[in-house]
Amino acid sequence: MRSEDLDVHVTALCARHGIARCDGRGRAVRKRVRHRDGRVERSLEIRIPPVRGQVSYFVALHEIGHLVGDGRSGRRLEKEAAAWRYALREALVEPTDATRRRLGRRLRSYVSWAQLRARRRRPPYLPPAGDPFWELLAWLER
């Protein structure tokens, strides 16, 4: 599939879910604005680079997954895995082996982040052995 087709798919998903799309590095943002008259406006936004290939396409789907997919209220690693599952489920194409491994490196970076902070008074949550998180990570990294 051409990158233009993948970009159209990302745009369509954003329109379906009411998500604004901005240029930037991959990030999902929930905004809440309180007005003086008491009104509260909520908006969803993703900041993503232009879709130029599979990796940027999957990153865009991943950021959309943070806003509308399952597992949004979990702990950090759980939320990341849920967003990647959403991306893989919604994608129009299967990731190539190289793309899959690059996605795995992104998810692995969160494991490294948690391991580096394991000795803190309140360490980040690391899923136990046998958790579906590790199965997803193993599949992405193989």
Protein backbone atom coordinates (compact mmCIF):
# COMPACT_ATOMS: atom_id res chain seq x y z
CA MET A 1 0.00 0.00 0.00
CA ARG A 2 1.14 3.52 -0.71
CA SER A 3 1.91 5.88 2.16
CA GLU A 4 -0.81 8.24 0.85
CA ASP A 5 -3.41 5.49 1.37
CA LEU A 6 -2.15 4.87 4.89
CA ASP A 7 -2.30 8.60 5.63
CA VAL A 8 -5.91 8.73 4.39
CA HIS A 9 -6.75 5.88 6.77
CA VAL A 10 -5.22 7.78 9.73
CA THR A 11 -7.17 10.91 8.73
CA ALA A 12 -10.41 8.90 8.49
CA LEU A 13 -9.89 7.37 11.95
CA CYS A 14 -9.21 10.81 13.39
CA ALA A 15 -12.39 12.18 11.81
CA ARG A 16 -14.47 9.21 13.04
CA HIS A 17 -13.31 9.73 16.64
CA GLY A 18 -13.19 13.54 16.66
CA ILE A 19 -9.42 13.72 17.01
CA ALA A 20 -7.48 16.76 15.82
CA ARG A 21 -4.24 15.94 14.05
CA CYS A 22 -1.14 18.14 14.39
CA ASP A 23 2.41 17.82 13.17
CA GLY A 24 4.95 16.80 15.76
CA ARG A 25 6.52 13.85 17.45
CA GLY A 26 4.18 10.99 18.40
CA ARG A 27 1.98 12.08 21.30
CA ALA A 28 -1.67 11.79 22.29
CA VAL A 29 -3.21 14.73 24.15
CA ARG A 30 -6.51 15.15 25.98
CA LYS A 31 -7.39 18.79 26.50
CA ARG A 32 -9.93 20.24 28.88
CA VAL A 33 -10.70 23.95 28.85
CA ARG A 34 -12.84 25.60 31.53
CA HIS A 35 -14.53 28.83 30.52
CA ARG A 36 -15.50 31.61 32.91
CA ASP A 37 -19.18 30.90 32.33
CA GLY A 38 -18.70 27.34 33.65
CA ARG A 39 -18.62 25.52 30.31
CA VAL A 40 -16.03 22.79 29.90
CA GLU A 41 -14.74 21.89 26.46
CA ARG A 42 -12.93 18.64 25.87
CA SER A 43 -10.86 17.80 22.84
CA LEU A 44 -8.62 15.00 21.65
CA GLU A 45 -5.45 15.60 19.68
CA ILE A 46 -2.60 13.55 18.31
CA ARG A 47 0.74 14.98 17.33
CA ILE A 48 2.35 12.79 14.71
CA PRO A 49 4.88 13.12 11.93
CA PRO A 50 3.59 12.82 8.36
CA VAL A 51 2.85 9.22 7.36
CA ARG A 52 5.73 8.29 5.08
CA GLY A 53 5.82 4.55 5.59
CA GLN A 54 4.79 1.70 7.82
CA VAL A 55 6.54 2.82 11.00
CA SER A 56 5.01 6.32 11.00
CA TYR A 57 1.65 4.75 10.10
CA PHE A 58 1.77 2.38 13.08
CA VAL A 59 2.94 5.19 15.37
CA ALA A 60 -0.08 7.25 14.27
CA LEU A 61 -2.44 4.33 14.94
CA HIS A 62 -0.73 3.79 18.30
CA GLU A 63 -1.38 7.41 19.32
CA ILE A 64 -5.02 7.12 18.26
CA GLY A 65 -5.18 3.94 20.36
CA HIS A 66 -4.10 5.92 23.43
CA LEU A 67 -7.22 8.07 23.02
CA VAL A 68 -9.90 5.63 21.88
CA GLY A 69 -8.60 2.07 22.32
CA ASP A 70 -9.02 -0.37 25.19
CA GLY A 71 -6.76 -0.23 28.23
CA ARG A 72 -6.54 3.55 28.54
CA SER A 73 -6.84 3.47 32.33
CA GLY A 74 -4.12 0.90 33.02
CA ARG A 75 -0.61 1.39 34.28
CA ARG A 76 2.05 2.78 31.95
CA LEU A 77 3.31 -0.46 30.36
CA GLU A 78 -0.24 -1.81 30.13
CA LYS A 79 -1.39 1.36 28.35
CA GLU A 80 1.50 1.19 25.90
CA ALA A 81 0.81 -2.46 25.08
CA ALA A 82 -2.91 -1.75 24.67
CA ALA A 83 -2.19 1.10 22.27
CA TRP A 84 0.10 -1.16 20.19
CA ARG A 85 -2.58 -3.85 20.12
CA TYR A 86 -5.07 -1.25 18.87
CA ALA A 87 -2.61 -0.19 16.15
CA LEU A 88 -2.04 -3.77 15.00
CA ARG A 89 -5.79 -4.52 15.03
CA GLU A 90 -6.81 -1.37 13.09
CA ALA A 91 -4.00 -1.42 10.53
CA LEU A 92 -4.82 -1.97 6.87
CA VAL A 93 -1.49 -3.76 6.37
CA GLU A 94 0.52 -6.36 8.23
CA PRO A 95 3.79 -4.93 9.54
CA THR A 96 6.91 -6.12 7.78
CA ASP A 97 9.47 -7.91 9.92
CA ALA A 98 11.60 -4.76 10.09
CA THR A 99 8.60 -2.62 11.10
CA ARG A 100 7.52 -5.15 13.72
CA ARG A 101 11.00 -5.14 15.29
CA ARG A 102 11.06 -1.32 15.35
CA LEU A 103 7.72 -1.32 17.15
CA GLY A 104 9.19 -3.86 19.56
CA ARG A 105 12.13 -1.56 20.30
CA ARG A 106 9.69 1.22 21.15
CA LEU A 107 7.76 -1.00 23.56
CA ARG A 108 11.02 -2.40 25.00
CA SER A 109 12.15 1.15 25.83
CA TYR A 110 9.29 1.35 28.37
CA VAL A 111 10.48 -1.89 29.99
CA SER A 112 13.99 -0.40 30.25
CA TRP A 113 12.50 2.78 31.70
CA ALA A 114 10.69 0.74 34.39
CA GLN A 115 13.72 -1.43 35.16
CA LEU A 116 15.94 1.62 35.67
CA ARG A 117 13.46 2.89 38.26
CA ALA A 118 12.90 -0.46 40.02
CA ARG A 119 14.75 0.62 43.18
CA ARG A 120 12.62 3.69 43.82
CA ARG A 121 10.36 3.90 46.82
CA ARG A 122 7.36 3.50 44.48
CA PRO A 123 8.75 1.62 41.47
CA PRO A 124 6.81 1.50 38.21
CA TYR A 125 4.70 -1.57 37.56
CA LEU A 126 6.32 -4.39 35.59
CA PRO A 127 3.87 -7.07 34.46
CA PRO A 128 4.50 -10.51 36.00
CA ALA A 129 5.85 -13.42 33.96
CA GLY A 130 3.11 -14.98 31.86
CA ASP A 131 1.28 -11.66 31.38
CA PRO A 132 0.03 -11.02 27.80
CA PHE A 133 2.32 -7.96 27.75
CA TRP A 134 5.39 -10.21 27.46
CA GLU A 135 3.77 -12.27 24.70
CA LEU A 136 3.16 -9.10 22.66
CA LEU A 137 6.71 -7.87 23.27
CA ALA A 138 8.19 -11.25 22.28
CA TRP A 139 6.16 -11.29 19.05
CA LEU A 140 7.21 -7.73 18.18
CA GLU A 141 10.89 -8.44 18.87
CA ARG A 142 11.22 -11.80 17.09
